[in-house]
């Protein structure tokens, strides 16, 4: 890699459900902010989702939903290489090549695999690998190839994902040790959310907003559904007149990520002084979210519809991604004696 080339930001999002507010705050918005500073390459990680999605119709629908979401929220496909992972076959050939030089011990230490085994142990399941498929076990290798094949310098990730960047460098080192200096050994820089966004976005039950908990607030939810979900956010029984701790409120934590700073400051003061109830806060949260989402819903509906311009956007992005991936794969093939 030359020293004067633009630094590359890479990120992907798995289509394992309809995108929600937590995805936007934790992944999409920080990644979109980086497009102003870096050469950006963003993708729909649909083959990553195969580790858990088994419904063909849902798999296709979630993939299209995620792609439409990125465009709706401001990703410019003229400035960002934007593609569907499954449209770049070079990624999967390189994944097999690098799988053959990756030690099982390295994969044993991957967080997702260890967490699956820990859950089995806690549940008293004798076979600690029960329910673990090879897609989950080899997941870090595919993620390493996502990074290496595009020459990423910066990867926006959550705290629990930074290990994958180190694994990518380890795998590249194993290959280089055997075949020569084909890959850069530089560990990509993990960009973690800061400030308000550094906190985990709470869901309607107060836990981390997650599809697995069923506590999400979907992006582009129609007003009636949005109102119902916001009103259902868990809150305590503190009387309206009593002072309240805004930071202990899931509704307030969501509100401060979307409302104007002055409105957030005013709501904080009113809650702390007493006289403002959780219901009033939830009404303000609904109005804030609905005002933001109203113009976005129409654009999302256009894009997610079958035969929309989204198909051409993804096809053009795949061509650009393959142009970047081909020489990387060709270098690996030559190194092992195939090319």
Protein backbone atom coordinates (compact mmCIF):
# COMPACT_ATOMS: atom_id res chain seq x y z
CA UNK A 1 0.00 0.00 0.00
CA UNK A 2 1.27 3.45 -0.86
CA UNK A 3 1.54 6.15 1.74
CA UNK A 4 -0.36 8.79 -0.25
CA UNK A 5 -3.54 6.84 -0.97
CA UNK A 6 -6.74 7.85 0.86
CA UNK A 7 -7.37 6.04 4.12
CA UNK A 8 -10.19 3.54 3.77
CA UNK A 9 -13.14 3.14 6.13
CA UNK A 10 -14.97 -0.19 5.91
CA UNK A 11 -18.09 -1.36 7.65
CA UNK A 12 -20.84 -3.90 7.15
CA UNK A 13 -24.13 -4.69 8.80
CA UNK A 14 -25.74 -8.12 9.05
CA UNK A 15 -29.30 -8.40 7.73
CA UNK A 16 -30.68 -10.40 10.64
CA UNK A 17 -33.82 -8.31 11.07
CA UNK A 18 -35.32 -4.95 10.24
CA UNK A 19 -32.88 -2.18 11.26
CA UNK A 20 -33.74 -0.40 14.50
CA UNK A 21 -32.81 2.78 16.35
CA UNK A 22 -29.91 1.02 18.10
CA UNK A 23 -28.40 0.05 14.73
CA UNK A 24 -28.64 3.65 13.59
CA UNK A 25 -26.97 5.16 16.65
CA UNK A 26 -24.39 2.42 17.20
CA UNK A 27 -23.36 1.62 13.63
CA UNK A 28 -25.02 3.48 10.79
CA UNK A 29 -24.69 7.10 11.92
CA UNK A 30 -21.03 6.82 12.99
CA UNK A 31 -20.19 5.07 9.71
CA UNK A 32 -21.97 7.72 7.66
CA UNK A 33 -20.07 10.44 9.53
CA UNK A 34 -16.79 8.82 8.47
CA UNK A 35 -17.64 9.17 4.76
CA UNK A 36 -16.75 12.86 5.02
CA UNK A 37 -13.18 12.02 6.05
CA UNK A 38 -12.31 8.65 4.51
CA UNK A 39 -12.63 6.76 1.29
CA UNK A 40 -15.61 4.64 2.33
CA UNK A 41 -16.49 1.06 1.45
CA UNK A 42 -19.66 -0.26 3.05
CA UNK A 43 -21.47 -3.52 2.49
CA UNK A 44 -24.47 -5.66 3.37
CA UNK A 45 -22.97 -8.67 5.20
CA UNK A 46 -25.61 -11.11 4.00
CA UNK A 47 -23.43 -14.24 4.08
CA UNK A 48 -22.51 -13.47 7.68
CA UNK A 49 -26.23 -13.64 8.46
CA UNK A 50 -26.44 -17.24 7.19
CA UNK A 51 -25.05 -18.41 10.53
CA UNK A 52 -28.47 -17.75 12.07
CA UNK A 53 -31.10 -16.95 9.43
CA UNK A 54 -32.77 -20.04 7.98
CA UNK A 55 -35.91 -18.54 6.43
CA UNK A 56 -35.34 -17.85 2.72
CA UNK A 57 -37.99 -15.13 2.45
CA UNK A 58 -36.81 -13.32 5.59
CA UNK A 59 -33.18 -13.54 4.47
CA UNK A 60 -34.02 -11.81 1.17
CA UNK A 61 -36.32 -9.24 2.80
CA UNK A 62 -33.85 -8.31 5.55
CA UNK A 63 -31.05 -7.93 3.03
CA UNK A 64 -33.10 -5.54 0.93
CA UNK A 65 -34.34 -3.67 4.01
CA UNK A 66 -30.82 -3.05 5.30
CA UNK A 67 -29.60 -1.86 1.91
CA UNK A 68 -32.56 0.51 1.54
CA UNK A 69 -31.98 1.79 5.07
CA UNK A 70 -28.40 2.89 4.39
CA UNK A 71 -29.41 4.81 1.26
CA UNK A 72 -32.42 6.36 2.98
CA UNK A 73 -30.32 7.58 5.90
CA UNK A 74 -27.84 9.40 3.69
CA UNK A 75 -25.27 7.03 2.18
CA UNK A 76 -24.27 8.40 -1.24
CA UNK A 77 -23.43 5.50 -3.61
CA UNK A 78 -21.55 7.94 -5.84
CA UNK A 79 -19.06 8.60 -3.03
CA UNK A 80 -19.15 5.26 -1.22
CA UNK A 81 -18.55 1.80 -2.64
CA UNK A 82 -21.75 0.12 -1.50
CA UNK A 83 -22.34 -3.55 -2.24
CA UNK A 84 -23.89 -6.81 -1.17
CA UNK A 85 -21.26 -9.22 0.16
CA UNK A 86 -22.71 -12.18 -1.77
CA UNK A 87 -22.15 -10.32 -5.07
CA UNK A 88 -18.36 -10.47 -4.64
CA UNK A 89 -17.27 -14.11 -5.12
CA UNK A 90 -13.61 -13.20 -4.69
CA UNK A 91 -14.32 -12.78 -0.97
CA UNK A 92 -15.34 -16.41 -0.57
CA UNK A 93 -12.46 -17.89 -2.55
CA UNK A 94 -10.02 -15.89 -0.46
CA UNK A 95 -11.83 -17.02 2.69
CA UNK A 96 -11.06 -20.65 1.85
CA UNK A 97 -7.42 -19.85 1.10
CA UNK A 98 -6.97 -18.07 4.43
CA UNK A 99 -8.92 -20.77 6.29
CA UNK A 100 -6.17 -23.18 5.30
CA UNK A 101 -3.50 -21.14 7.10
CA UNK A 102 -5.56 -20.21 10.18
CA UNK A 103 -5.00 -22.19 13.36
CA UNK A 104 -8.02 -23.68 15.09
CA UNK A 105 -6.66 -22.36 18.37
CA UNK A 106 -7.10 -18.82 17.12
CA UNK A 107 -10.74 -19.51 16.28
CA UNK A 108 -11.24 -21.16 19.69
CA UNK A 109 -10.48 -17.80 21.28
CA UNK A 110 -13.03 -15.83 19.24
CA UNK A 111 -15.61 -14.11 21.44
CA UNK A 112 -18.73 -15.37 19.64
CA UNK A 113 -17.62 -18.99 19.77
CA UNK A 114 -16.59 -18.76 23.43
CA UNK A 115 -19.91 -17.11 24.29
CA UNK A 116 -21.84 -19.95 22.61
CA UNK A 117 -19.91 -22.54 24.61
CA UNK A 118 -20.40 -20.57 27.83
CA UNK A 119 -24.16 -20.47 27.26
CA UNK A 120 -24.21 -24.23 26.83
CA UNK A 121 -22.17 -24.71 29.99
CA UNK A 122 -24.50 -22.44 31.98
CA UNK A 123 -27.48 -24.40 30.66
CA UNK A 124 -25.96 -27.70 31.73
CA UNK A 125 -25.55 -28.99 28.16
CA UNK A 126 -22.80 -31.63 28.11
CA UNK A 127 -21.79 -30.97 24.51
CA UNK A 128 -20.40 -27.44 24.73
CA UNK A 129 -20.41 -27.17 20.93
CA UNK A 130 -24.12 -27.94 20.64
CA UNK A 131 -25.79 -25.53 18.24
CA UNK A 132 -22.46 -24.20 16.92
CA UNK A 133 -22.24 -24.40 13.14
CA UNK A 134 -19.03 -23.97 11.17
CA UNK A 135 -20.25 -20.64 9.87
CA UNK A 136 -20.24 -19.26 13.39
CA UNK A 137 -16.90 -20.91 14.18
CA UNK A 138 -15.23 -19.59 11.00
CA UNK A 139 -16.97 -16.21 11.17
CA UNK A 140 -13.77 -14.31 12.08
CA UNK A 141 -12.02 -15.58 8.93
CA UNK A 142 -14.75 -14.26 6.66
CA UNK A 143 -14.66 -10.96 8.53
CA UNK A 144 -10.86 -10.86 8.15
CA UNK A 145 -11.25 -11.28 4.40
CA UNK A 146 -13.86 -8.50 4.30
CA UNK A 147 -11.19 -6.25 5.81
CA UNK A 148 -8.13 -7.48 3.93
CA UNK A 149 -9.66 -7.68 0.47
CA UNK A 150 -10.65 -4.01 0.61
CA UNK A 151 -7.48 -2.73 2.30
CA UNK A 152 -9.35 -1.20 5.22
CA UNK A 153 -7.55 1.24 7.52
CA UNK A 154 -10.48 2.13 9.75
CA UNK A 155 -13.37 -0.09 10.86
CA UNK A 156 -16.24 1.34 12.93
CA UNK A 157 -17.03 -1.36 15.49
CA UNK A 158 -18.58 -1.89 18.87
CA UNK A 159 -16.48 -2.76 21.91
CA UNK A 160 -17.17 -6.48 21.43
CA UNK A 161 -15.98 -6.48 17.81
CA UNK A 162 -12.47 -5.03 18.13
CA UNK A 163 -11.01 -8.52 18.60
CA UNK A 164 -11.83 -9.29 14.96
CA UNK A 165 -9.41 -6.62 13.79
CA UNK A 166 -6.55 -8.26 15.68
CA UNK A 167 -7.56 -11.64 14.27
CA UNK A 168 -7.44 -10.20 10.73
CA UNK A 169 -3.83 -9.11 11.30
CA UNK A 170 -2.95 -12.51 12.82
CA UNK A 171 -4.37 -14.36 9.82
CA UNK A 172 -2.55 -12.08 7.40
CA UNK A 173 0.66 -12.74 9.33
CA UNK A 174 0.21 -16.50 9.10
CA UNK A 175 -0.24 -16.29 5.33
CA UNK A 176 2.73 -13.96 4.88
CA UNK A 177 4.94 -16.23 6.97
CA UNK A 178 4.26 -19.08 4.57
CA UNK A 179 4.03 -17.30 1.23
CA UNK A 180 5.70 -13.90 1.44
CA UNK A 181 4.49 -10.37 2.00
CA UNK A 182 1.11 -10.41 0.30
CA UNK A 183 -0.99 -8.70 2.97
CA UNK A 184 -0.37 -5.71 5.18
CA UNK A 185 0.13 -6.69 8.80
CA UNK A 186 -1.16 -3.37 10.09
CA UNK A 187 -4.11 -3.84 12.43
CA UNK A 188 -6.96 -1.65 11.17
CA UNK A 189 -7.95 1.11 13.55
CA UNK A 190 -11.13 0.45 15.47
CA UNK A 191 -13.34 3.52 15.63
CA UNK A 192 -15.55 3.33 18.71
CA UNK A 193 -18.52 5.60 19.43
CA UNK A 194 -17.79 8.44 21.86
CA UNK A 195 -19.81 10.77 24.03
CA UNK A 196 -23.54 10.10 24.35
CA UNK A 197 -23.34 7.48 21.59
CA UNK A 198 -20.79 5.46 23.54
CA UNK A 199 -23.56 4.22 25.81
CA UNK A 200 -25.47 1.16 24.79
CA UNK A 201 -28.81 2.16 23.28
CA UNK A 202 -31.50 0.72 25.58
CA UNK A 203 -34.51 -1.13 24.25
CA UNK A 204 -38.09 -0.92 25.41
CA UNK A 205 -37.34 -3.18 28.40
CA UNK A 206 -34.24 -1.25 29.50
CA UNK A 207 -31.76 -3.87 28.30
CA UNK A 208 -29.53 -3.31 25.28
CA UNK A 209 -31.69 -2.79 22.21
CA UNK A 210 -31.33 -6.09 20.38
CA UNK A 211 -33.37 -8.23 17.99
CA UNK A 212 -32.58 -11.24 20.16
CA UNK A 213 -34.36 -9.60 23.11
CA UNK A 214 -37.38 -8.52 21.05
CA UNK A 215 -37.12 -5.03 22.53
CA UNK A 216 -36.31 -2.95 19.46
CA UNK A 217 -37.90 0.14 17.97
CA UNK A 218 -37.69 -0.38 14.19
CA UNK A 219 -36.57 2.41 11.95
CA UNK A 220 -39.39 3.58 9.67
CA UNK A 221 -42.09 2.10 11.92
CA UNK A 222 -45.46 3.69 11.05
CA UNK A 223 -46.68 6.34 13.53
CA UNK A 224 -49.20 4.06 15.26
CA UNK A 225 -46.61 1.33 15.88
CA UNK A 226 -43.98 3.87 16.88
CA UNK A 227 -46.30 5.50 19.43
CA UNK A 228 -47.22 2.12 20.94
CA UNK A 229 -43.59 1.06 21.27
CA UNK A 230 -42.50 4.36 22.82
CA UNK A 231 -45.38 4.34 25.27
CA UNK A 232 -44.40 0.79 26.22
CA UNK A 233 -40.83 1.68 27.24
CA UNK A 234 -40.33 0.43 30.78
CA UNK A 235 -40.30 3.10 33.50
CA UNK A 236 -40.55 3.10 37.27
CA UNK A 237 -43.47 4.23 39.42
CA UNK A 238 -41.99 7.53 40.61
CA UNK A 239 -44.87 10.02 41.04
CA UNK A 240 -45.16 12.89 38.55
CA UNK A 241 -44.37 15.49 41.20
CA UNK A 242 -41.23 13.73 42.47
CA UNK A 243 -37.68 14.43 41.16
CA UNK A 244 -36.36 11.80 38.75
CA UNK A 245 -32.99 10.58 37.50
CA UNK A 246 -33.01 11.03 33.71
CA UNK A 247 -29.95 8.82 33.24
CA UNK A 248 -31.79 5.87 34.77
CA UNK A 249 -34.54 6.19 32.16
CA UNK A 250 -34.35 4.22 28.90
CA UNK A 251 -36.73 6.71 27.29
CA UNK A 252 -34.47 9.64 28.18
CA UNK A 253 -31.36 7.85 26.91
CA UNK A 254 -33.06 7.39 23.55
CA UNK A 255 -34.39 10.96 23.60
CA UNK A 256 -30.96 12.52 24.09
CA UNK A 257 -29.70 10.77 20.95
CA UNK A 258 -32.38 12.28 18.72
CA UNK A 259 -33.65 15.52 20.26
CA UNK A 260 -32.13 18.96 19.90
CA UNK A 261 -29.48 19.59 22.62
CA UNK A 262 -31.49 22.46 24.08
CA UNK A 263 -34.60 20.29 24.27
CA UNK A 264 -32.58 17.55 25.99
CA UNK A 265 -31.18 20.05 28.48
CA UNK A 266 -34.65 21.41 29.24
CA UNK A 267 -36.14 17.92 29.69
CA UNK A 268 -33.31 16.93 32.03
CA UNK A 269 -33.92 19.96 34.25
CA UNK A 270 -37.69 19.38 34.33
CA UNK A 271 -37.29 15.72 35.29
CA UNK A 272 -34.73 16.45 37.98
CA UNK A 273 -36.89 19.22 39.49
CA UNK A 274 -40.05 17.11 39.54
CA UNK A 275 -43.44 17.92 38.10
CA UNK A 276 -42.77 16.16 34.80
CA UNK A 277 -43.80 12.53 34.48
CA UNK A 278 -42.41 9.70 32.41
CA UNK A 279 -45.52 9.89 30.21
CA UNK A 280 -44.69 13.47 29.22
CA UNK A 281 -41.13 12.41 28.39
CA UNK A 282 -42.43 9.55 26.23
CA UNK A 283 -44.78 11.92 24.39
CA UNK A 284 -41.83 14.20 23.63
CA UNK A 285 -39.77 11.22 22.49
CA UNK A 286 -42.52 10.03 20.14
CA UNK A 287 -42.97 13.50 18.63
CA UNK A 288 -39.21 13.86 18.14
CA UNK A 289 -38.80 10.47 16.48
CA UNK A 290 -41.90 10.82 14.32
CA UNK A 291 -40.85 14.25 13.05
CA UNK A 292 -37.46 12.82 12.05
CA UNK A 293 -38.86 9.67 10.48
CA UNK A 294 -41.80 11.10 8.54
CA UNK A 295 -39.84 12.26 5.45
CA UNK A 296 -37.60 9.18 5.61
CA UNK A 297 -40.43 6.62 5.54
CA UNK A 298 -41.51 7.57 2.02
CA UNK A 299 -37.97 7.29 0.64
CA UNK A 300 -37.43 3.94 2.35
CA UNK A 301 -40.70 2.55 0.96
CA UNK A 302 -39.64 3.56 -2.56
CA UNK A 303 -36.27 1.87 -2.29
CA UNK A 304 -37.38 -1.35 -0.63
CA UNK A 305 -40.05 -1.99 -3.27
CA UNK A 306 -39.24 -4.72 -5.84
CA UNK A 307 -37.62 -3.39 -9.01
CA UNK A 308 -36.61 -0.06 -7.50
CA UNK A 309 -33.38 1.81 -8.22
CA UNK A 310 -31.82 -0.10 -5.31
CA UNK A 311 -31.05 -3.00 -7.68
CA UNK A 312 -28.96 -0.80 -9.97
CA UNK A 313 -27.20 0.81 -7.00
CA UNK A 314 -26.14 -2.57 -5.61
CA UNK A 315 -25.09 -3.87 -9.04
CA UNK A 316 -22.88 -0.84 -9.64
CA UNK A 317 -21.41 -1.17 -6.16
CA UNK A 318 -20.62 -4.84 -6.74
CA UNK A 319 -18.68 -3.98 -9.90
CA UNK A 320 -16.56 -1.46 -7.98
CA UNK A 321 -16.01 -3.89 -5.11
CA UNK A 322 -14.93 -6.67 -7.45
CA UNK A 323 -12.48 -4.33 -9.17
CA UNK A 324 -10.81 -3.86 -5.76
CA UNK A 325 -11.01 -7.51 -4.74
CA UNK A 326 -9.66 -9.13 -7.92
CA UNK A 327 -6.02 -8.00 -7.61
CA UNK A 328 -5.93 -8.98 -3.92
CA UNK A 329 -7.20 -12.47 -4.68
CA UNK A 330 -4.87 -12.71 -7.67
CA UNK A 331 -1.90 -11.93 -5.42
CA UNK A 332 -2.91 -14.67 -3.00
CA UNK A 333 -3.44 -17.15 -5.83
CA UNK A 334 0.00 -16.43 -7.26
CA UNK A 335 1.55 -16.81 -3.84
CA UNK A 336 0.10 -20.28 -3.28
CA UNK A 337 0.92 -21.40 -6.83
CA UNK A 338 -2.51 -21.26 -8.48
CA UNK A 339 -2.30 -18.03 -10.46
